[in-house]
Amino acid sequence: MQKACPECGDTIRGRVDKKFCSDACRNSYNNKVNKDVRNIIRNTNNKLRKNYRVLEELNPEQKSTASKARLVEKGFDFNYITSIYTTKTGKVYYFVYDQGYLPLEGDFYALVKREQ
């Protein structure tokens, strides 16, 4: 019994456990399967990536400060974060992956990078 490639339908030749006829078919099939099906997922991931790049750019030394205006000017969207960390003293840090910020007085933010 010959197996057919799930991507193009061609006959698969070679090892018995082989699933695709070529690397191109394997890549094409997996790209289709793993594609973000909904726009909301793709848009959210794009905004998280943008926020991460902004924090990374404005925080090259792992600790710095920035104004809200500067963050917004760079395209930062405060509605998109990945986690929140509350310290024992009650300070609330907002993180986009390992880049984070702490609201300070007067529309300023302390920018930090979480150590792994």
Protein backbone atom coordinates (compact mmCIF):
# COMPACT_ATOMS: atom_id res chain seq x y z
CA MET A 1 0.00 0.00 0.00
CA GLN A 2 1.45 3.36 -1.05
CA LYS A 3 0.95 6.46 1.05
CA ALA A 4 0.02 9.82 -0.43
CA CYS A 5 1.54 13.15 0.58
CA PRO A 6 -1.03 15.11 2.65
CA GLU A 7 0.02 18.34 0.93
CA CYS A 8 0.18 17.54 -2.78
CA GLY A 9 -1.17 13.99 -3.02
CA ASP A 10 1.92 12.54 -4.74
CA THR A 11 3.13 9.06 -3.83
CA ILE A 12 5.63 9.01 -0.98
CA ARG A 13 8.85 7.13 -1.69
CA GLY A 14 11.51 6.26 0.86
CA ARG A 15 11.31 5.36 4.51
CA VAL A 16 8.14 3.72 5.80
CA ASP A 17 7.54 6.41 8.43
CA LYS A 18 7.98 9.29 5.95
CA LYS A 19 4.91 11.57 5.91
CA PHE A 20 5.64 13.98 3.04
CA CYS A 21 7.11 13.60 -0.42
CA SER A 22 9.52 16.55 0.02
CA ASP A 23 10.75 19.21 2.42
CA ALA A 24 8.80 21.82 0.43
CA CYS A 25 5.52 19.93 0.98
CA ARG A 26 6.31 19.43 4.68
CA ASN A 27 7.04 23.15 5.13
CA SER A 28 3.98 24.21 3.14
CA TYR A 29 1.69 21.88 5.10
CA ASN A 30 3.03 22.96 8.50
CA ASN A 31 2.82 26.65 7.55
CA LYS A 32 -0.86 26.19 6.68
CA VAL A 33 -1.60 24.24 9.88
CA ASN A 34 0.23 26.69 12.16
CA LYS A 35 -1.00 29.87 10.47
CA ASP A 36 -2.78 32.31 12.76
CA VAL A 37 -6.33 31.62 11.71
CA ARG A 38 -7.91 34.67 13.22
CA ASN A 39 -6.98 38.28 12.67
CA ILE A 40 -7.31 39.06 16.38
CA ILE A 41 -4.49 36.63 17.22
CA ARG A 42 -2.23 38.03 14.52
CA ASN A 43 -3.02 41.63 15.48
CA THR A 44 -2.45 40.96 19.19
CA ASN A 45 0.89 39.29 18.49
CA ASN A 46 1.93 42.21 16.27
CA LYS A 47 1.08 44.73 19.02
CA LEU A 48 2.97 42.70 21.63
CA ARG A 49 6.01 42.56 19.31
CA LYS A 50 5.79 46.33 18.74
CA ASN A 51 5.54 47.00 22.50
CA TYR A 52 8.51 44.73 23.15
CA ARG A 53 10.64 46.51 20.53
CA VAL A 54 9.76 49.92 22.01
CA LEU A 55 10.65 48.86 25.57
CA GLU A 56 13.86 47.20 24.37
CA GLU A 57 14.89 50.31 22.41
CA LEU A 58 14.22 52.72 25.28
CA ASN A 59 15.82 50.43 27.89
CA PRO A 60 19.27 49.43 26.57
CA GLU A 61 20.88 49.39 30.05
CA GLN A 62 18.23 47.09 31.64
CA LYS A 63 17.01 49.95 33.89
CA SER A 64 15.93 53.39 32.73
CA THR A 65 13.03 55.84 32.75
CA ALA A 66 10.84 57.19 29.97
CA SER A 67 7.91 59.54 29.73
CA LYS A 68 4.49 58.37 28.67
CA ALA A 69 4.68 60.77 25.72
CA ARG A 70 7.94 59.15 24.54
CA LEU A 71 6.46 55.65 24.76
CA VAL A 72 3.32 56.68 22.88
CA GLU A 73 5.39 58.55 20.28
CA LYS A 74 7.28 55.30 19.57
CA GLY A 75 3.97 53.45 19.12
CA PHE A 76 3.62 51.76 22.53
CA ASP A 77 0.09 50.55 23.37
CA PHE A 78 -0.54 50.25 27.12
CA ASN A 79 -3.45 47.84 26.51
CA TYR A 80 -1.13 44.99 25.46
CA ILE A 81 0.98 43.23 28.09
CA THR A 82 1.83 39.60 28.83
CA SER A 83 2.00 39.62 32.65
CA ILE A 84 1.71 41.67 35.82
CA TYR A 85 4.06 41.40 38.80
CA THR A 86 3.19 42.85 42.20
CA THR A 87 6.04 43.28 44.68
CA LYS A 88 5.75 42.68 48.43
CA THR A 89 5.56 46.46 48.88
CA GLY A 90 2.58 46.67 46.50
CA LYS A 91 4.32 48.11 43.43
CA VAL A 92 2.77 46.81 40.21
CA TYR A 93 5.05 46.10 37.24
CA TYR A 94 3.59 45.42 33.80
CA PHE A 95 5.56 43.15 31.49
CA VAL A 96 5.75 42.39 27.80
CA TYR A 97 7.65 39.12 28.04
CA ASP A 98 10.86 40.05 29.92
CA GLN A 99 10.66 43.83 29.32
CA GLY A 100 8.60 45.70 31.89
CA TYR A 101 7.56 49.08 33.20
CA LEU A 102 6.47 50.57 36.51
CA PRO A 103 4.24 53.68 36.51
CA LEU A 104 5.89 56.55 38.40
CA GLU A 105 4.57 59.97 39.35
CA GLY A 106 4.06 62.59 36.67
CA ASP A 107 3.47 60.37 33.64
CA PHE A 108 6.89 58.74 33.83
CA TYR A 109 7.73 55.05 33.82
CA ALA A 110 10.62 53.04 35.19
CA LEU A 111 11.68 50.56 32.50
CA VAL A 112 13.19 47.27 33.63
CA LYS A 113 14.28 43.95 32.21
CA ARG A 114 13.45 40.81 34.15
CA GLU A 115 16.44 38.56 34.69
CA GLN A 116 16.04 34.97 33.57
